[in-house]
Amino acid sequence: SHAVMTEQMLAHGNYGTYLIYPPGLSTMSAVICRLCGLPPLAMFAVVAPALVALTTLAAYALATRLWGRGFGVAAAALSGLVLVGPYVSFSGGLYPDLLAAFFFMVMTVAALVTFFQSPTIRSGLLVTVTGGAVVLYHSVGTEYLAVLLAVTALVCLPYLFLRGPVGRDLGRALIITMAGVGFLA
């Protein structure tokens, strides 16, 4: 089905109402097909294993950000063994799931950790861009991310505003960052 959507993007610039997936994967796949000259079915045979590698990279980035490099290496090594999700998504051809749920959402959580550790404009933009990218790949993943970010804001904001001037500044930065994710999405 993703090869058909990519063919439609290459031929017509859209895929109409073929499937309910947002246009992120089919657009990216069409660009890759144009750049490398492969037909979509052959391109997915090359690119699909790389998507599983992205899930390993996301697990490494999150665990490294939370607990350090040793835990990041362990998370990367165990990401496909402990969680059956990336493998099932790969074998089932659910490539938008791999990108949205197992890569961009995990990277958004890692970006949130970075934001809370050092709230800078760069870390806020990182949360905004990675969080906003989910909407391009999977509609259900977008709903999960919206719930995750809403819970994060509801849990963290009262604590931050009670913490004093530094906490209020971080709380305002968190509100601006969440508004940026909503605007970009």
N, C-alpha and C. Protein backbone atom coordinates (compact mmCIF):
# COMPACT_ATOMS: atom_id res chain seq x y z
N SER A 1 0.82 -1.20 0.00
CA SER A 1 0.00 0.00 0.00
C SER A 1 0.86 1.26 0.00
N HIS A 2 2.01 1.23 0.70
CA HIS A 2 2.86 2.41 0.72
C HIS A 2 3.55 2.62 -0.62
N ALA A 3 3.85 1.52 -1.32
CA ALA A 3 4.42 1.64 -2.66
C ALA A 3 3.40 2.24 -3.62
N VAL A 4 2.13 1.87 -3.46
CA VAL A 4 1.08 2.43 -4.31
C VAL A 4 0.94 3.93 -4.04
N MET A 5 0.95 4.31 -2.76
CA MET A 5 0.85 5.74 -2.44
C MET A 5 2.05 6.50 -2.98
N THR A 6 3.23 5.90 -2.92
CA THR A 6 4.42 6.56 -3.46
C THR A 6 4.30 6.69 -4.98
N GLU A 7 3.82 5.66 -5.65
CA GLU A 7 3.59 5.73 -7.10
C GLU A 7 2.62 6.87 -7.43
N GLN A 8 1.56 7.00 -6.65
CA GLN A 8 0.59 8.07 -6.87
C GLN A 8 1.23 9.45 -6.66
N MET A 9 2.08 9.55 -5.64
CA MET A 9 2.77 10.83 -5.40
C MET A 9 3.71 11.15 -6.56
N LEU A 10 4.40 10.14 -7.09
CA LEU A 10 5.30 10.37 -8.22
C LEU A 10 4.53 10.75 -9.48
N ALA A 11 3.39 10.12 -9.70
CA ALA A 11 2.64 10.35 -10.93
C ALA A 11 1.76 11.60 -10.87
N HIS A 12 1.11 11.83 -9.72
CA HIS A 12 0.11 12.89 -9.66
C HIS A 12 0.38 13.97 -8.61
N GLY A 13 1.33 13.73 -7.73
CA GLY A 13 1.61 14.72 -6.68
C GLY A 13 0.73 14.56 -5.45
N ASN A 14 -0.20 13.62 -5.47
CA ASN A 14 -1.00 13.28 -4.29
C ASN A 14 -1.53 11.86 -4.48
N TYR A 15 -2.13 11.34 -3.43
CA TYR A 15 -2.69 10.00 -3.54
C TYR A 15 -4.17 9.99 -3.20
N GLY A 16 -4.78 11.13 -3.23
CA GLY A 16 -6.22 11.24 -3.04
C GLY A 16 -6.69 10.59 -1.75
N THR A 17 -7.64 9.73 -1.87
CA THR A 17 -8.22 9.09 -0.70
C THR A 17 -7.87 7.60 -0.67
N TYR A 18 -6.69 7.25 -1.17
CA TYR A 18 -6.31 5.84 -1.20
C TYR A 18 -6.26 5.25 0.21
N LEU A 19 -5.55 5.88 1.10
CA LEU A 19 -5.48 5.46 2.50
C LEU A 19 -5.57 6.69 3.38
N ILE A 20 -5.72 6.48 4.67
CA ILE A 20 -5.91 7.60 5.57
C ILE A 20 -4.60 8.13 6.14
N TYR A 21 -3.46 7.60 5.69
CA TYR A 21 -2.19 8.07 6.21
C TYR A 21 -1.91 9.50 5.79
N PRO A 22 -1.34 10.30 6.67
CA PRO A 22 -0.90 11.64 6.28
C PRO A 22 0.21 11.53 5.22
N PRO A 23 0.51 12.63 4.54
CA PRO A 23 1.39 12.56 3.36
C PRO A 23 2.89 12.47 3.64
N GLY A 24 3.32 12.39 4.87
CA GLY A 24 4.75 12.44 5.18
C GLY A 24 5.56 11.32 4.57
N LEU A 25 5.16 10.08 4.80
CA LEU A 25 5.94 8.94 4.31
C LEU A 25 5.90 8.85 2.79
N SER A 26 4.74 9.02 2.20
CA SER A 26 4.67 8.90 0.74
C SER A 26 5.42 10.03 0.05
N THR A 27 5.41 11.22 0.61
CA THR A 27 6.18 12.33 0.03
C THR A 27 7.67 12.07 0.16
N MET A 28 8.10 11.66 1.36
CA MET A 28 9.51 11.36 1.57
C MET A 28 9.95 10.21 0.66
N SER A 29 9.12 9.20 0.52
CA SER A 29 9.45 8.05 -0.33
C SER A 29 9.54 8.48 -1.81
N ALA A 30 8.64 9.34 -2.23
CA ALA A 30 8.69 9.81 -3.62
C ALA A 30 9.96 10.60 -3.89
N VAL A 31 10.37 11.42 -2.94
CA VAL A 31 11.62 12.18 -3.11
C VAL A 31 12.81 11.23 -3.17
N ILE A 32 12.84 10.23 -2.30
CA ILE A 32 13.94 9.25 -2.32
C ILE A 32 13.95 8.50 -3.65
N CYS A 33 12.77 8.12 -4.15
CA CYS A 33 12.70 7.42 -5.44
C CYS A 33 13.25 8.28 -6.57
N ARG A 34 12.89 9.56 -6.56
CA ARG A 34 13.40 10.47 -7.60
C ARG A 34 14.92 10.62 -7.50
N LEU A 35 15.42 10.75 -6.28
CA LEU A 35 16.86 10.97 -6.10
C LEU A 35 17.70 9.76 -6.47
N CYS A 36 17.23 8.56 -6.09
CA CYS A 36 18.06 7.37 -6.34
C CYS A 36 17.64 6.61 -7.59
N GLY A 37 16.53 6.96 -8.20
CA GLY A 37 16.12 6.31 -9.45
C GLY A 37 15.52 4.93 -9.29
N LEU A 38 15.18 4.55 -8.07
CA LEU A 38 14.58 3.24 -7.83
C LEU A 38 13.06 3.34 -7.91
N PRO A 39 12.40 2.28 -8.38
CA PRO A 39 10.94 2.24 -8.28
C PRO A 39 10.55 2.06 -6.80
N PRO A 40 9.33 2.47 -6.42
CA PRO A 40 8.95 2.43 -5.01
C PRO A 40 9.08 1.07 -4.34
N LEU A 41 8.72 0.01 -5.02
CA LEU A 41 8.80 -1.31 -4.38
C LEU A 41 10.25 -1.68 -4.07
N ALA A 42 11.17 -1.38 -4.97
CA ALA A 42 12.59 -1.65 -4.72
C ALA A 42 13.13 -0.70 -3.65
N MET A 43 12.66 0.54 -3.64
CA MET A 43 13.12 1.52 -2.65
C MET A 43 12.74 1.08 -1.24
N PHE A 44 11.54 0.55 -1.06
CA PHE A 44 11.12 0.12 0.28
C PHE A 44 11.94 -1.07 0.76
N ALA A 45 12.41 -1.90 -0.14
CA ALA A 45 13.28 -3.01 0.27
C ALA A 45 14.60 -2.50 0.82
N VAL A 46 15.03 -1.34 0.37
CA VAL A 46 16.29 -0.75 0.85
C VAL A 46 16.06 0.10 2.09
N VAL A 47 15.00 0.89 2.09
CA VAL A 47 14.77 1.87 3.15
C VAL A 47 14.13 1.26 4.40
N ALA A 48 13.29 0.25 4.24
CA ALA A 48 12.56 -0.30 5.39
C ALA A 48 13.47 -0.80 6.51
N PRO A 49 14.55 -1.51 6.23
CA PRO A 49 15.43 -1.90 7.34
C PRO A 49 16.06 -0.70 8.06
N ALA A 50 16.28 0.38 7.33
CA ALA A 50 16.82 1.58 7.97
C ALA A 50 15.83 2.18 8.96
N LEU A 51 14.54 1.99 8.71
CA LEU A 51 13.53 2.50 9.65
C LEU A 51 13.62 1.77 10.99
N VAL A 52 13.91 0.48 10.96
CA VAL A 52 14.10 -0.27 12.20
C VAL A 52 15.35 0.23 12.92
N ALA A 53 16.37 0.58 12.14
CA ALA A 53 17.58 1.14 12.75
C ALA A 53 17.29 2.49 13.41
N LEU A 54 16.36 3.25 12.86
CA LEU A 54 15.97 4.52 13.48
C LEU A 54 15.35 4.31 14.85
N THR A 55 14.58 3.23 15.00
CA THR A 55 13.98 2.97 16.32
C THR A 55 15.06 2.66 17.35
N THR A 56 16.11 1.97 16.92
CA THR A 56 17.23 1.69 17.81
C THR A 56 17.94 2.98 18.18
N LEU A 57 18.12 3.85 17.22
CA LEU A 57 18.74 5.15 17.47
C LEU A 57 17.92 5.97 18.46
N ALA A 58 16.61 5.95 18.32
CA ALA A 58 15.75 6.69 19.25
C ALA A 58 15.85 6.14 20.66
N ALA A 59 15.86 4.81 20.80
CA ALA A 59 16.01 4.22 22.14
C ALA A 59 17.34 4.60 22.75
N TYR A 60 18.40 4.60 21.94
CA TYR A 60 19.72 5.00 22.42
C TYR A 60 19.71 6.47 22.88
N ALA A 61 19.13 7.34 22.06
CA ALA A 61 19.13 8.77 22.40
C ALA A 61 18.36 9.05 23.69
N LEU A 62 17.21 8.42 23.86
CA LEU A 62 16.41 8.65 25.06
C LEU A 62 17.11 8.11 26.30
N ALA A 63 17.58 6.89 26.25
CA ALA A 63 18.24 6.30 27.43
C ALA A 63 19.54 7.03 27.76
N THR A 64 20.27 7.47 26.76
CA THR A 64 21.50 8.23 27.02
C THR A 64 21.17 9.55 27.68
N ARG A 65 20.12 10.21 27.23
CA ARG A 65 19.72 11.49 27.80
C ARG A 65 19.26 11.32 29.25
N LEU A 66 18.58 10.22 29.53
CA LEU A 66 18.06 10.02 30.88
C LEU A 66 19.10 9.49 31.86
N TRP A 67 19.87 8.45 31.44
CA TRP A 67 20.70 7.74 32.41
C TRP A 67 22.17 7.64 32.05
N GLY A 68 22.57 8.06 30.86
CA GLY A 68 23.97 8.00 30.49
C GLY A 68 24.23 7.04 29.34
N ARG A 69 25.47 7.06 28.87
CA ARG A 69 25.84 6.32 27.67
C ARG A 69 25.71 4.81 27.80
N GLY A 70 26.09 4.26 28.94
CA GLY A 70 26.00 2.81 29.12
C GLY A 70 24.57 2.30 28.99
N PHE A 71 23.64 3.04 29.58
CA PHE A 71 22.24 2.64 29.46
C PHE A 71 21.73 2.86 28.04
N GLY A 72 22.26 3.86 27.35
CA GLY A 72 21.88 4.08 25.96
C GLY A 72 22.28 2.92 25.07
N VAL A 73 23.49 2.41 25.29
CA VAL A 73 23.94 1.26 24.52
C VAL A 73 23.08 0.04 24.83
N ALA A 74 22.76 -0.16 26.10
CA ALA A 74 21.89 -1.28 26.47
C ALA A 74 20.50 -1.15 25.86
N ALA A 75 19.95 0.06 25.88
CA ALA A 75 18.62 0.28 25.29
C ALA A 75 18.65 0.04 23.79
N ALA A 76 19.72 0.46 23.14
CA ALA A 76 19.83 0.23 21.69
C ALA A 76 19.93 -1.25 21.39
N ALA A 77 20.69 -1.97 22.21
CA ALA A 77 20.85 -3.41 21.99
C ALA A 77 19.56 -4.18 22.25
N LEU A 78 18.79 -3.72 23.20
CA LEU A 78 17.58 -4.45 23.58
C LEU A 78 16.30 -3.93 22.95
N SER A 79 16.37 -2.84 22.20
CA SER A 79 15.13 -2.22 21.71
C SER A 79 14.32 -3.14 20.83
N GLY A 80 14.94 -3.94 19.99
CA GLY A 80 14.20 -4.86 19.15
C GLY A 80 13.87 -6.17 19.83
N LEU A 81 14.60 -6.51 20.89
CA LEU A 81 14.37 -7.78 21.57
C LEU A 81 13.27 -7.70 22.60
N VAL A 82 13.28 -6.62 23.38
CA VAL A 82 12.32 -6.48 24.47
C VAL A 82 10.96 -6.06 23.94
N LEU A 83 10.96 -5.07 23.09
CA LEU A 83 9.71 -4.59 22.52
C LEU A 83 9.51 -5.22 21.16
N VAL A 84 8.41 -5.87 20.96
CA VAL A 84 8.15 -6.52 19.69
C VAL A 84 7.62 -5.50 18.68
N GLY A 85 7.27 -4.31 19.10
CA GLY A 85 6.66 -3.30 18.25
C GLY A 85 7.40 -2.96 16.98
N PRO A 86 8.68 -2.58 17.04
CA PRO A 86 9.37 -2.23 15.80
C PRO A 86 9.43 -3.38 14.81
N TYR A 87 9.66 -4.60 15.28
CA TYR A 87 9.73 -5.73 14.37
C TYR A 87 8.37 -6.02 13.73
N VAL A 88 7.32 -5.97 14.53
CA VAL A 88 5.99 -6.23 13.99
C VAL A 88 5.62 -5.14 12.98
N SER A 89 5.98 -3.90 13.27
CA SER A 89 5.71 -2.82 12.32
C SER A 89 6.48 -3.02 11.03
N PHE A 90 7.72 -3.49 11.13
CA PHE A 90 8.54 -3.73 9.95
C PHE A 90 7.97 -4.89 9.14
N SER A 91 7.69 -6.00 9.79
CA SER A 91 7.21 -7.17 9.06
C SER A 91 5.80 -6.96 8.52
N GLY A 92 5.02 -6.12 9.19
CA GLY A 92 3.67 -5.83 8.72
C GLY A 92 3.60 -4.69 7.73
N GLY A 93 4.72 -4.05 7.44
CA GLY A 93 4.72 -2.94 6.49
C GLY A 93 4.13 -1.66 7.06
N LEU A 94 4.12 -1.53 8.36
CA LEU A 94 3.55 -0.34 9.00
C LEU A 94 4.63 0.72 9.19
N TYR A 95 5.19 1.18 8.10
CA TYR A 95 6.33 2.08 8.16
C TYR A 95 6.01 3.43 8.81
N PRO A 96 4.81 3.99 8.61
CA PRO A 96 4.52 5.23 9.34
C PRO A 96 4.52 5.04 10.86
N ASP A 97 4.13 3.84 11.32
CA ASP A 97 4.20 3.55 12.76
C ASP A 97 5.64 3.62 13.24
N LEU A 98 6.54 3.05 12.46
CA LEU A 98 7.96 3.08 12.84
C LEU A 98 8.45 4.51 12.97
N LEU A 99 8.09 5.34 12.01
CA LEU A 99 8.56 6.72 12.06
C LEU A 99 7.87 7.53 13.15
N ALA A 100 6.55 7.43 13.22
CA ALA A 100 5.81 8.28 14.16
C ALA A 100 5.94 7.80 15.59
N ALA A 101 5.61 6.54 15.84
CA ALA A 101 5.54 6.05 17.21
C ALA A 101 6.88 5.64 17.78
N PHE A 102 7.70 4.97 16.99
CA PHE A 102 8.93 4.43 17.54
C PHE A 102 10.14 5.31 17.31
N PHE A 103 10.02 6.35 16.48
CA PHE A 103 11.15 7.25 16.30
C PHE A 103 10.81 8.67 16.77
N PHE A 104 9.87 9.33 16.10
CA PHE A 104 9.62 10.73 16.43
C PHE A 104 9.05 10.94 17.83
N MET A 105 8.18 10.04 18.30
CA MET A 105 7.65 10.22 19.66
C MET A 105 8.74 10.00 20.70
N VAL A 106 9.57 9.00 20.50
CA VAL A 106 10.66 8.75 21.45
C VAL A 106 11.65 9.91 21.41
N MET A 107 11.94 10.42 20.22
CA MET A 107 12.83 11.57 20.12
C MET A 107 12.21 12.82 20.73
N THR A 108 10.89 12.95 20.68
CA THR A 108 10.23 14.08 21.33
C THR A 108 10.38 13.99 22.84
N VAL A 109 10.25 12.79 23.39
CA VAL A 109 10.46 12.61 24.84
C VAL A 109 11.91 12.93 25.20
N ALA A 110 12.86 12.48 24.39
CA ALA A 110 14.26 12.82 24.64
C ALA A 110 14.49 14.33 24.54
N ALA A 111 13.82 14.97 23.60
CA ALA A 111 13.93 16.43 23.47
C ALA A 111 13.31 17.13 24.68
N LEU A 112 12.21 16.58 25.21
CA LEU A 112 11.62 17.15 26.43
C LEU A 112 12.57 17.03 27.62
N VAL A 113 13.24 15.91 27.72
CA VAL A 113 14.22 15.73 28.80
C VAL A 113 15.32 16.78 28.65
N THR A 114 15.80 16.97 27.42
CA THR A 114 16.82 17.99 27.16
C THR A 114 16.30 19.37 27.52
N PHE A 115 15.05 19.63 27.17
CA PHE A 115 14.43 20.94 27.47
C PHE A 115 14.37 21.18 28.98
N PHE A 116 13.99 20.15 29.74
CA PHE A 116 13.90 20.34 31.19
C PHE A 116 15.29 20.45 31.83
N GLN A 117 16.30 19.81 31.23
CA GLN A 117 17.65 19.90 31.77
C GLN A 117 18.28 21.26 31.49
N SER A 118 18.08 21.77 30.30
CA SER A 118 18.62 23.10 29.96
C SER A 118 17.64 23.79 29.02
N PRO A 119 16.73 24.58 29.59
CA PRO A 119 15.69 25.23 28.77
C PRO A 119 16.27 26.39 27.95
N THR A 120 16.63 26.08 26.72
CA THR A 120 17.12 27.10 25.81
C THR A 120 16.18 27.18 24.61
N ILE A 121 16.41 28.18 23.79
CA ILE A 121 15.60 28.30 22.57
C ILE A 121 15.82 27.07 21.68
N ARG A 122 17.06 26.62 21.62
CA ARG A 122 17.38 25.44 20.80
C ARG A 122 16.64 24.20 21.28
N SER A 123 16.63 23.96 22.58
CA SER A 123 15.93 22.77 23.10
C SER A 123 14.42 22.90 22.92
N GLY A 124 13.90 24.11 23.04
CA GLY A 124 12.47 24.32 22.79
C GLY A 124 12.11 24.08 21.33
N LEU A 125 12.97 24.54 20.42
CA LEU A 125 12.73 24.30 18.99
C LEU A 125 12.86 22.82 18.65
N LEU A 126 13.76 22.13 19.33
CA LEU A 126 13.91 20.69 19.10
C LEU A 126 12.63 19.94 19.47
N VAL A 127 12.03 20.29 20.62
CA VAL A 127 10.75 19.69 21.01
C VAL A 127 9.68 20.03 19.99
N THR A 128 9.65 21.28 19.55
CA THR A 128 8.63 21.73 18.60
C THR A 128 8.74 20.99 17.27
N VAL A 129 9.93 20.87 16.75
CA VAL A 129 10.10 20.25 15.43
C VAL A 129 9.86 18.74 15.49
N THR A 130 10.42 18.07 16.49
CA THR A 130 10.20 16.62 16.56
C THR A 130 8.75 16.29 16.91
N GLY A 131 8.14 17.08 17.77
CA GLY A 131 6.73 16.85 18.10
C GLY A 131 5.82 17.16 16.92
N GLY A 132 6.13 18.20 16.18
CA GLY A 132 5.31 18.56 15.02
C GLY A 132 5.47 17.60 13.85
N ALA A 133 6.57 16.87 13.80
CA ALA A 133 6.81 15.94 12.69
C ALA A 133 5.91 14.71 12.77
N VAL A 134 5.45 14.37 13.95
CA VAL A 134 4.61 13.17 14.10
C VAL A 134 3.35 13.28 13.26
N VAL A 135 2.78 14.46 13.15
CA VAL A 135 1.53 14.64 12.44
C VAL A 135 1.67 14.34 10.94
N LEU A 136 2.88 14.40 10.42
CA LEU A 136 3.09 14.11 9.00
C LEU A 136 3.06 12.62 8.68
N TYR A 137 3.20 11.78 9.70
CA TYR A 137 3.38 10.36 9.43
C TYR A 137 2.25 9.47 9.92
N HIS A 138 1.58 9.83 11.01
CA HIS A 138 0.57 8.91 11.52
C HIS A 138 -0.45 9.68 12.36
N SER A 139 -1.72 9.52 12.05
CA SER A 139 -2.76 10.26 12.76
C SER A 139 -2.97 9.74 14.18
N VAL A 140 -2.89 8.45 14.41
CA VAL A 140 -3.05 7.90 15.75
C VAL A 140 -1.83 8.24 16.61
N GLY A 141 -0.65 8.19 16.02
CA GLY A 141 0.55 8.61 16.73
C GLY A 141 0.45 10.06 17.18
N THR A 142 -0.19 10.89 16.36
CA THR A 142 -0.40 12.29 16.72
C THR A 142 -1.29 12.41 17.95
N GLU A 143 -2.32 11.58 18.01
CA GLU A 143 -3.19 11.61 19.19
C GLU A 143 -2.45 11.17 20.44
N TYR A 144 -1.63 10.13 20.33
CA TYR A 144 -0.83 9.68 21.47
C TYR A 144 0.13 10.77 21.93
N LEU A 145 0.75 11.45 20.98
CA LEU A 145 1.68 12.52 21.33
C LEU A 145 0.94 13.68 21.99
N ALA A 146 -0.25 14.01 21.50
CA ALA A 146 -1.02 15.08 22.12
C ALA A 146 -1.36 14.75 23.57
N VAL A 147 -1.74 13.50 23.83
CA VAL A 147 -2.03 13.09 25.21
C VAL A 147 -0.76 13.14 26.06
N LEU A 148 0.35 12.66 25.51
CA LEU A 148 1.62 12.68 26.24
C LEU A 148 2.03 14.10 26.60
N LEU A 149 1.94 15.01 25.66
CA LEU A 149 2.34 16.40 25.92
C LEU A 149 1.36 17.10 26.86
N ALA A 150 0.08 16.78 26.75
CA ALA A 150 -0.90 17.38 27.66
C ALA A 150 -0.67 16.91 29.09
N VAL A 151 -0.43 15.63 29.27
CA VAL A 151 -0.15 15.11 30.61
C VAL A 151 1.14 15.71 31.16
N THR A 152 2.16 15.82 30.31
CA THR A 152 3.41 16.43 30.75
C THR A 152 3.18 17.86 31.22
N ALA A 153 2.43 18.62 30.44
CA ALA A 153 2.16 20.01 30.81
C ALA A 153 1.32 20.09 32.09
N LEU A 154 0.31 19.25 32.21
CA LEU A 154 -0.55 19.30 33.40
C LEU A 154 0.19 18.89 34.67
N VAL A 155 1.11 17.96 34.54
CA VAL A 155 1.87 17.51 35.71
C VAL A 155 2.96 18.52 36.07
N CYS A 156 3.63 19.06 35.08
CA CYS A 156 4.81 19.89 35.33
C CYS A 156 4.48 21.35 35.62
N LEU A 157 3.49 21.90 34.96
CA LEU A 157 3.24 23.34 35.10
C LEU A 157 2.92 23.79 36.52
N PRO A 158 2.04 23.12 37.26
CA PRO A 158 1.80 23.59 38.63
C PRO A 158 3.07 23.58 39.49
N TYR A 159 3.86 22.54 39.36
CA TYR A 159 5.11 22.47 40.10
C TYR A 159 6.05 23.60 39.70
N LEU A 160 6.15 23.86 38.41
CA LEU A 160 7.07 24.90 37.94
C LEU A 160 6.64 26.28 38.41
N PHE A 161 5.34 26.56 38.36
CA PHE A 161 4.88 27.89 38.77
C PHE A 161 4.98 28.11 40.27
N LEU A 162 5.01 27.05 41.05
CA LEU A 162 5.18 27.18 42.50
C LEU A 162 6.65 27.24 42.90
N ARG A 163 7.55 27.02 41.99
CA ARG A 163 8.97 26.93 42.28
C ARG A 163 9.68 28.27 42.38
N GLY A 164 9.04 29.34 42.03
CA GLY A 164 9.68 30.64 42.09
C GLY A 164 9.92 31.21 40.70
N PRO A 165 10.70 32.29 40.63
CA PRO A 165 10.91 32.95 39.34
C PRO A 165 11.54 32.05 38.28
N VAL A 166 12.50 31.23 38.66
CA VAL A 166 13.14 30.33 37.69
C VAL A 166 12.13 29.32 37.17
N GLY A 167 11.32 28.78 38.05
CA GLY A 167 10.30 27.82 37.65
C GLY A 167 9.24 28.45 36.78
N ARG A 168 8.85 29.69 37.09
CA ARG A 168 7.86 30.38 36.26
C ARG A 168 8.40 30.64 34.86
N ASP A 169 9.69 30.99 34.76
CA ASP A 169 10.29 31.18 33.44
C ASP A 169 10.29 29.88 32.65
N LEU A 170 10.63 28.78 33.31
CA LEU A 170 10.62 27.48 32.65
C LEU A 170 9.19 27.08 32.27
N GLY A 171 8.23 27.39 33.13
CA GLY A 171 6.83 27.11 32.84
C GLY A 171 6.34 27.87 31.63
N ARG A 172 6.71 29.15 31.55
CA ARG A 172 6.33 29.95 30.37
C ARG A 172 6.99 29.39 29.11
N ALA A 173 8.25 28.99 29.23
CA ALA A 173 8.95 28.40 28.08
C ALA A 173 8.28 27.10 27.66
N LEU A 174 7.82 26.32 28.63
CA LEU A 174 7.12 25.07 28.31
C LEU A 174 5.80 25.36 27.60
N ILE A 175 5.07 26.37 28.04
CA ILE A 175 3.81 26.73 27.39
C ILE A 175 4.07 27.19 25.96
N ILE A 176 5.10 28.00 25.76
CA ILE A 176 5.44 28.48 24.40
C ILE A 176 5.84 27.30 23.52
N THR A 177 6.61 26.38 24.07
CA THR A 177 7.04 25.21 23.30
C THR A 177 5.86 24.34 22.93
N MET A 178 4.94 24.11 23.85
CA MET A 178 3.76 23.29 23.54
C MET A 178 2.87 24.00 22.51
N ALA A 179 2.77 25.32 22.62
CA ALA A 179 2.01 26.07 21.62
C ALA A 179 2.68 25.97 20.26
N GLY A 180 4.01 25.96 20.24
CA GLY A 180 4.74 25.79 18.99
C GLY A 180 4.49 24.43 18.36
N VAL A 181 4.45 23.39 19.18
CA VAL A 181 4.14 22.05 18.66
C VAL A 181 2.74 22.04 18.07
N GLY A 182 1.78 22.63 18.79
CA GLY A 182 0.41 22.69 18.27
C GLY A 182 0.31 23.48 16.98
N PHE A 183 1.01 24.61 16.92
CA PHE A 183 0.98 25.43 15.70
C PHE A 183 1.61 24.71 14.53
N LEU A 184 2.77 24.11 14.76
CA LEU A 184 3.47 23.41 13.68
C LEU A 184 2.68 22.19 13.22
N ALA A 185 2.06 21.49 14.17
CA ALA A 185 1.27 20.31 13.81
C ALA A 185 0.01 20.72 13.07
